[in-house]
N, C-alpha and C. Protein backbone atom coordinates (compact mmCIF):
# COMPACT_ATOMS: atom_id res chain seq x y z
N MET A 1 -14.41 1.97 3.50
CA MET A 1 -15.25 1.27 4.44
C MET A 1 -14.43 1.06 5.68
N SER A 2 -15.27 0.95 6.73
CA SER A 2 -14.60 0.67 8.05
C SER A 2 -14.18 -0.82 8.27
N GLU A 3 -13.36 -1.22 9.20
CA GLU A 3 -13.04 -2.54 9.37
C GLU A 3 -14.25 -3.42 9.45
N PHE A 4 -15.20 -2.87 10.37
CA PHE A 4 -16.37 -3.54 10.65
C PHE A 4 -17.21 -3.82 9.35
N GLN A 5 -17.40 -2.93 8.41
CA GLN A 5 -18.03 -3.16 7.17
C GLN A 5 -17.22 -4.08 6.27
N GLU A 6 -15.97 -3.93 6.25
CA GLU A 6 -15.13 -4.89 5.42
C GLU A 6 -15.32 -6.32 5.86
N GLN A 7 -15.43 -6.46 7.23
CA GLN A 7 -15.49 -7.86 7.87
C GLN A 7 -16.91 -8.48 7.60
N LYS A 8 -17.89 -7.44 7.73
CA LYS A 8 -19.37 -7.82 7.27
C LYS A 8 -19.39 -8.34 5.82
N THR A 9 -18.81 -7.53 5.02
CA THR A 9 -18.85 -7.88 3.60
C THR A 9 -18.19 -9.28 3.30
N LEU A 10 -16.94 -9.53 4.03
CA LEU A 10 -16.24 -10.77 3.72
C LEU A 10 -17.20 -11.96 4.30
N ILE A 11 -17.71 -11.77 5.37
CA ILE A 11 -18.60 -12.91 6.02
C ILE A 11 -19.72 -13.14 4.98
N ALA A 12 -20.47 -12.28 4.63
CA ALA A 12 -21.47 -12.40 3.74
C ALA A 12 -20.96 -13.05 2.35
N TRP A 13 -19.90 -12.62 1.79
CA TRP A 13 -19.39 -13.33 0.70
C TRP A 13 -19.00 -14.84 1.07
N PHE A 14 -18.22 -15.15 2.26
CA PHE A 14 -17.80 -16.36 2.51
C PHE A 14 -19.15 -17.38 2.61
N ARG A 15 -20.24 -16.95 3.38
CA ARG A 15 -21.25 -17.74 3.54
C ARG A 15 -21.98 -18.02 2.24
N ALA A 16 -21.91 -17.06 1.27
CA ALA A 16 -22.47 -17.34 -0.17
C ALA A 16 -21.65 -18.30 -0.95
N GLN A 17 -20.33 -18.15 -0.87
CA GLN A 17 -19.38 -18.88 -1.65
C GLN A 17 -19.31 -20.46 -1.07
N TYR A 18 -19.20 -20.41 0.30
CA TYR A 18 -19.00 -21.89 0.93
C TYR A 18 -20.11 -22.07 1.85
N PRO A 19 -21.33 -22.20 1.44
CA PRO A 19 -22.36 -22.31 2.56
C PRO A 19 -22.29 -23.66 3.46
N GLN A 20 -21.45 -24.67 2.88
CA GLN A 20 -21.35 -25.78 3.59
C GLN A 20 -20.45 -25.56 4.99
N TYR A 21 -19.61 -24.52 4.92
CA TYR A 21 -18.74 -24.15 5.98
C TYR A 21 -19.37 -23.05 6.84
N GLU A 22 -20.45 -22.60 6.73
CA GLU A 22 -20.90 -21.37 7.43
C GLU A 22 -20.85 -21.57 9.07
N LYS A 23 -20.85 -22.73 9.61
CA LYS A 23 -20.66 -23.02 11.03
C LYS A 23 -19.29 -23.08 11.46
N CYS A 24 -18.38 -22.91 10.48
CA CYS A 24 -17.05 -23.05 10.79
C CYS A 24 -16.20 -21.89 11.01
N ILE A 25 -16.94 -20.63 11.13
CA ILE A 25 -16.37 -19.25 11.19
C ILE A 25 -16.56 -18.90 12.80
N ARG A 26 -15.31 -18.44 13.25
CA ARG A 26 -15.33 -18.08 14.74
C ARG A 26 -15.01 -16.54 14.53
N LEU A 27 -15.59 -15.73 15.51
CA LEU A 27 -15.42 -14.36 15.61
C LEU A 27 -14.72 -14.08 17.02
N SER A 28 -13.68 -13.25 16.90
CA SER A 28 -13.09 -12.89 18.21
C SER A 28 -13.99 -11.81 18.79
N LEU A 29 -14.06 -11.90 20.17
CA LEU A 29 -14.65 -10.84 21.02
C LEU A 29 -13.86 -9.58 21.20
N ASN A 30 -12.57 -9.53 20.75
CA ASN A 30 -11.63 -8.54 20.95
C ASN A 30 -12.12 -7.21 20.32
N GLY A 31 -12.86 -7.28 19.11
CA GLY A 31 -13.19 -6.15 18.32
C GLY A 31 -14.65 -5.49 18.76
N ILE A 32 -15.28 -6.15 19.73
CA ILE A 32 -16.57 -5.61 20.13
C ILE A 32 -16.48 -4.34 20.85
N ASN A 33 -17.34 -3.40 20.35
CA ASN A 33 -17.39 -1.98 21.08
C ASN A 33 -18.28 -2.23 22.48
N LEU A 34 -17.56 -1.92 23.44
CA LEU A 34 -18.47 -2.10 24.79
C LEU A 34 -18.68 -0.66 25.23
N PRO A 35 -19.81 -0.53 26.19
CA PRO A 35 -20.09 0.76 26.64
C PRO A 35 -18.82 1.25 27.57
N PRO A 36 -18.75 2.56 27.57
CA PRO A 36 -17.60 3.03 28.49
C PRO A 36 -17.86 2.78 30.04
N GLY A 37 -16.70 2.69 30.77
CA GLY A 37 -16.91 2.77 32.21
C GLY A 37 -16.80 1.48 32.83
N LYS A 38 -17.40 1.27 34.15
CA LYS A 38 -17.27 0.12 34.91
C LYS A 38 -18.00 -1.14 34.28
N THR A 39 -19.03 -0.94 33.51
CA THR A 39 -19.64 -2.06 32.74
C THR A 39 -18.74 -2.64 31.87
N ALA A 40 -18.03 -1.94 31.20
CA ALA A 40 -17.07 -2.65 30.16
C ALA A 40 -15.99 -3.32 30.82
N ALA A 41 -15.40 -2.77 31.92
CA ALA A 41 -14.40 -3.36 32.76
C ALA A 41 -15.02 -4.84 33.33
N ILE A 42 -16.07 -4.88 33.77
CA ILE A 42 -16.63 -6.04 34.18
C ILE A 42 -16.81 -7.01 33.05
N MET A 43 -17.33 -6.57 31.99
CA MET A 43 -17.65 -7.52 30.82
C MET A 43 -16.22 -8.08 30.30
N ILE A 44 -15.25 -7.29 30.32
CA ILE A 44 -13.86 -7.71 29.69
C ILE A 44 -13.25 -8.81 30.72
N ASN A 45 -13.40 -8.58 32.03
CA ASN A 45 -12.83 -9.42 32.89
C ASN A 45 -13.66 -10.87 32.84
N GLN A 46 -14.90 -10.62 32.53
CA GLN A 46 -15.83 -11.92 32.43
C GLN A 46 -15.34 -12.76 31.11
N MET A 47 -15.18 -12.02 30.05
CA MET A 47 -14.76 -12.65 28.81
C MET A 47 -13.42 -13.31 28.92
N LYS A 48 -12.38 -12.44 29.53
CA LYS A 48 -11.25 -13.04 29.76
C LYS A 48 -11.15 -14.43 30.57
N SER A 49 -12.00 -14.32 31.65
CA SER A 49 -12.07 -15.57 32.58
C SER A 49 -12.74 -16.73 31.74
N GLN A 50 -13.39 -16.38 30.61
CA GLN A 50 -14.08 -17.46 29.90
C GLN A 50 -13.27 -17.86 28.60
N GLY A 51 -12.08 -17.41 28.58
CA GLY A 51 -11.09 -17.68 27.39
C GLY A 51 -10.75 -16.73 26.32
N MET A 52 -11.21 -15.48 26.37
CA MET A 52 -10.90 -14.41 25.52
C MET A 52 -9.39 -14.13 25.73
N VAL A 53 -8.72 -14.08 24.39
CA VAL A 53 -7.24 -13.82 24.54
C VAL A 53 -6.89 -12.65 23.97
N LYS A 54 -5.99 -11.83 24.50
CA LYS A 54 -5.65 -10.59 24.06
C LYS A 54 -4.91 -10.71 22.70
N SER A 55 -5.24 -9.85 21.87
CA SER A 55 -4.63 -9.76 20.37
C SER A 55 -5.04 -10.93 19.61
N GLU A 56 -5.98 -11.73 20.06
CA GLU A 56 -6.47 -12.75 19.04
C GLU A 56 -7.00 -12.22 17.76
N SER A 57 -6.79 -12.92 16.68
CA SER A 57 -7.24 -12.63 15.42
C SER A 57 -8.55 -12.42 15.28
N ASP A 58 -9.14 -11.48 14.45
CA ASP A 58 -10.66 -11.27 14.26
C ASP A 58 -11.50 -12.40 13.94
N LEU A 59 -10.96 -13.18 12.99
CA LEU A 59 -11.67 -14.34 12.46
C LEU A 59 -10.86 -15.61 12.38
N PHE A 60 -11.53 -16.79 12.67
CA PHE A 60 -10.99 -18.04 12.54
C PHE A 60 -11.81 -18.86 11.83
N PHE A 61 -11.30 -19.58 10.78
CA PHE A 61 -12.02 -20.40 9.84
C PHE A 61 -11.49 -21.93 10.20
N ALA A 62 -12.30 -22.77 10.86
CA ALA A 62 -12.06 -23.92 11.32
C ALA A 62 -12.14 -25.06 10.35
N ILE A 63 -11.41 -24.92 9.42
CA ILE A 63 -11.33 -25.71 8.16
C ILE A 63 -10.01 -26.26 7.83
N PRO A 64 -9.65 -27.48 7.98
CA PRO A 64 -8.39 -27.95 7.65
C PRO A 64 -7.96 -28.05 6.10
N ASN A 65 -6.97 -27.88 5.77
CA ASN A 65 -6.58 -28.07 4.44
C ASN A 65 -5.40 -28.98 4.32
N MET A 66 -4.60 -29.00 3.19
CA MET A 66 -3.61 -30.06 3.04
C MET A 66 -2.37 -29.65 3.77
N GLU A 67 -2.26 -28.39 4.05
CA GLU A 67 -1.09 -27.99 4.84
C GLU A 67 -1.22 -27.49 6.18
N TYR A 68 -2.37 -26.86 6.44
CA TYR A 68 -2.70 -26.19 7.80
C TYR A 68 -4.11 -26.81 8.48
N HIS A 69 -4.24 -26.66 9.78
CA HIS A 69 -5.29 -27.03 10.72
C HIS A 69 -6.43 -26.05 10.54
N GLY A 70 -6.26 -24.87 10.12
CA GLY A 70 -7.28 -23.73 10.08
C GLY A 70 -6.67 -22.59 9.62
N LEU A 71 -7.51 -21.48 9.47
CA LEU A 71 -7.15 -20.20 9.03
C LEU A 71 -7.50 -19.05 9.91
N PHE A 72 -6.53 -18.21 10.36
CA PHE A 72 -6.74 -17.03 11.19
C PHE A 72 -6.55 -15.81 10.28
N ILE A 73 -7.51 -14.92 10.49
CA ILE A 73 -7.32 -13.54 9.64
C ILE A 73 -7.43 -12.56 10.58
N GLU A 74 -6.62 -11.58 10.43
CA GLU A 74 -6.70 -10.26 11.23
C GLU A 74 -7.18 -9.33 10.15
N MET A 75 -8.31 -8.67 10.26
CA MET A 75 -8.89 -7.76 9.37
C MET A 75 -8.40 -6.40 9.71
N LYS A 76 -8.10 -5.65 8.79
CA LYS A 76 -7.69 -4.12 8.97
C LYS A 76 -8.38 -3.30 7.83
N ASP A 77 -8.63 -2.08 8.40
CA ASP A 77 -9.10 -1.25 7.30
C ASP A 77 -7.97 -0.72 6.48
N PHE A 78 -8.19 0.42 5.57
CA PHE A 78 -7.05 0.77 4.71
C PHE A 78 -6.05 1.81 5.43
N GLU A 79 -6.36 2.11 6.77
CA GLU A 79 -5.53 3.02 7.56
C GLU A 79 -4.91 2.45 8.54
N LYS A 80 -5.07 1.21 8.87
CA LYS A 80 -4.35 0.62 10.17
C LYS A 80 -3.56 -0.57 9.68
N LYS A 81 -2.69 -0.90 10.74
CA LYS A 81 -1.82 -1.97 10.43
C LYS A 81 -1.96 -2.87 11.78
N ALA A 82 -1.51 -4.21 11.58
CA ALA A 82 -1.59 -5.02 12.86
C ALA A 82 -0.53 -4.43 13.88
N THR A 83 -0.99 -4.67 15.13
CA THR A 83 -0.15 -4.24 16.17
C THR A 83 1.01 -5.23 16.35
N PRO A 84 2.07 -4.89 17.04
CA PRO A 84 3.05 -5.86 17.25
C PRO A 84 2.44 -7.19 18.08
N GLU A 85 1.61 -6.97 19.08
CA GLU A 85 0.83 -8.07 19.73
C GLU A 85 0.17 -8.89 18.78
N GLN A 86 -0.66 -8.28 17.95
CA GLN A 86 -1.45 -9.11 16.93
C GLN A 86 -0.52 -9.93 15.99
N GLN A 87 0.54 -9.38 15.50
CA GLN A 87 1.50 -10.09 14.67
C GLN A 87 2.13 -11.17 15.44
N LYS A 88 2.49 -10.99 16.69
CA LYS A 88 2.98 -12.12 17.47
C LYS A 88 2.04 -13.20 17.49
N TYR A 89 0.74 -13.00 17.66
CA TYR A 89 -0.31 -13.99 17.94
C TYR A 89 -0.33 -14.76 16.61
N LEU A 90 -0.35 -14.09 15.49
CA LEU A 90 -0.37 -14.63 14.11
C LEU A 90 0.85 -15.63 13.89
N ASP A 91 2.01 -15.11 14.30
CA ASP A 91 3.33 -15.90 14.20
C ASP A 91 3.20 -17.19 15.19
N PHE A 92 2.65 -16.97 16.26
CA PHE A 92 2.36 -18.09 17.19
C PHE A 92 1.50 -19.22 16.52
N MET A 93 0.56 -18.69 16.00
CA MET A 93 -0.52 -19.65 15.41
C MET A 93 0.12 -20.31 14.19
N GLN A 94 1.06 -19.57 13.51
CA GLN A 94 1.70 -20.27 12.28
C GLN A 94 2.66 -21.37 12.67
N SER A 95 3.31 -21.23 13.97
CA SER A 95 4.15 -22.12 14.50
C SER A 95 3.55 -23.37 14.86
N LEU A 96 2.18 -23.26 15.04
CA LEU A 96 1.30 -24.47 15.41
C LEU A 96 0.68 -25.07 14.10
N GLN A 97 1.15 -24.62 12.98
CA GLN A 97 0.63 -25.20 11.80
C GLN A 97 -0.78 -24.64 11.33
N TYR A 98 -1.03 -23.45 11.68
CA TYR A 98 -2.31 -22.75 11.18
C TYR A 98 -1.83 -21.78 10.18
N GLU A 99 -2.54 -21.45 9.34
CA GLU A 99 -2.34 -20.44 8.12
C GLU A 99 -2.93 -19.19 9.06
N ALA A 100 -2.06 -18.02 8.92
CA ALA A 100 -2.47 -16.75 9.52
C ALA A 100 -2.12 -15.54 8.71
N ALA A 101 -2.98 -14.74 8.60
CA ALA A 101 -2.72 -13.51 7.71
C ALA A 101 -3.42 -12.30 8.17
N VAL A 102 -2.81 -11.09 7.92
CA VAL A 102 -3.32 -9.85 7.99
C VAL A 102 -3.90 -9.46 6.69
N CYS A 103 -5.21 -9.07 6.54
CA CYS A 103 -5.77 -8.69 5.44
C CYS A 103 -6.39 -7.24 5.39
N VAL A 104 -5.78 -6.44 4.53
CA VAL A 104 -6.29 -5.09 4.44
C VAL A 104 -7.59 -5.08 3.44
N GLY A 105 -8.80 -5.08 4.13
CA GLY A 105 -10.10 -4.92 3.32
C GLY A 105 -10.52 -6.35 3.01
N ALA A 106 -11.77 -6.45 2.51
CA ALA A 106 -12.49 -7.67 2.23
C ALA A 106 -11.78 -8.36 1.12
N GLU A 107 -11.53 -7.65 0.08
CA GLU A 107 -10.99 -8.24 -1.14
C GLU A 107 -9.56 -8.96 -0.94
N ALA A 108 -8.73 -8.37 -0.20
CA ALA A 108 -7.60 -9.14 0.24
C ALA A 108 -7.91 -10.32 1.07
N ALA A 109 -8.82 -10.38 1.90
CA ALA A 109 -9.23 -11.50 2.64
C ALA A 109 -9.86 -12.63 1.73
N LYS A 110 -10.62 -12.21 0.85
CA LYS A 110 -11.23 -13.10 -0.13
C LYS A 110 -10.09 -13.88 -0.85
N GLU A 111 -9.24 -13.23 -1.16
CA GLU A 111 -8.06 -13.74 -1.99
C GLU A 111 -7.37 -14.78 -1.10
N VAL A 112 -7.18 -14.58 0.13
CA VAL A 112 -6.47 -15.38 1.05
C VAL A 112 -7.32 -16.76 1.24
N ILE A 113 -8.70 -16.50 1.42
CA ILE A 113 -9.41 -17.61 1.68
C ILE A 113 -9.63 -18.43 0.49
N THR A 114 -9.82 -17.88 -0.85
CA THR A 114 -9.90 -18.56 -1.88
C THR A 114 -8.64 -19.57 -2.21
N ASN A 115 -7.53 -18.91 -1.88
CA ASN A 115 -6.24 -19.72 -2.04
C ASN A 115 -6.15 -20.74 -1.04
N TYR A 116 -6.66 -20.53 0.17
CA TYR A 116 -6.62 -21.54 1.34
C TYR A 116 -7.50 -22.71 0.99
N MET A 117 -8.66 -22.25 0.40
CA MET A 117 -9.83 -23.42 0.18
C MET A 117 -9.38 -24.27 -1.03
N LYS A 118 -8.45 -23.99 -1.73
CA LYS A 118 -8.18 -24.78 -2.92
C LYS A 118 -7.65 -26.15 -2.49
N THR A 119 -7.09 -26.20 -1.26
CA THR A 119 -6.51 -27.42 -0.80
C THR A 119 -7.26 -27.84 0.27
N SER A 120 -8.59 -27.53 0.53
CA SER A 120 -9.48 -27.99 1.56
C SER A 120 -9.47 -29.53 1.61
N LEU A 121 -9.43 -30.14 2.91
CA LEU A 121 -9.49 -31.53 3.10
C LEU A 121 -10.88 -32.12 3.00
N ILE A 122 -11.81 -31.19 3.29
CA ILE A 122 -13.22 -31.79 3.46
C ILE A 122 -14.03 -31.26 2.27
N SER A 123 -14.51 -32.09 1.38
CA SER A 123 -15.32 -31.60 0.19
C SER A 123 -16.76 -31.28 0.58
N LYS A 124 -17.33 -32.22 1.43
CA LYS A 124 -18.73 -32.19 1.96
C LYS A 124 -18.70 -32.56 3.50
N PRO A 125 -18.76 -31.36 4.26
CA PRO A 125 -18.76 -31.74 5.70
C PRO A 125 -20.03 -32.20 6.07
N ILE A 126 -20.19 -33.04 7.16
CA ILE A 126 -21.35 -33.61 7.62
C ILE A 126 -22.24 -32.45 8.11
N PRO A 127 -23.59 -32.49 7.47
CA PRO A 127 -24.41 -31.37 7.98
C PRO A 127 -24.78 -31.32 9.40
N LEU A 128 -24.93 -30.22 9.97
CA LEU A 128 -25.39 -30.07 11.34
C LEU A 128 -26.79 -29.66 11.34
N ASP A 129 -27.63 -30.18 12.32
CA ASP A 129 -28.86 -29.56 12.48
C ASP A 129 -28.78 -28.03 12.75
N SER A 130 -29.69 -27.39 12.05
CA SER A 130 -29.75 -25.94 12.33
C SER A 130 -30.62 -25.59 13.54
């Protein structure tokens, strides 16, 4: 499966496993496929001016646990590795007391999330209006 399919599988699993946290998932815009040419350059500049960060991890789970403020996951398919810039971003987030991991495939990410959630601080978050 492609990285896109692996991430899609992971998100569907997470929403089914932890429905009370479905609003706590954040997706990086770095992985979005943009049209080629001038339009893409304009869109990238707009996103950067609005806060997009180079090499930001694919996913952020804004759920604190007993040890960390939240969880960053860099998804990879089975043929790729994190770039040095992506690893530097993860290392920086870890220095700020976030958990951060590179996960090759949805199954690896599920394991990381399951272990992380074992010490979640919030058993029942306050429901938000849909």
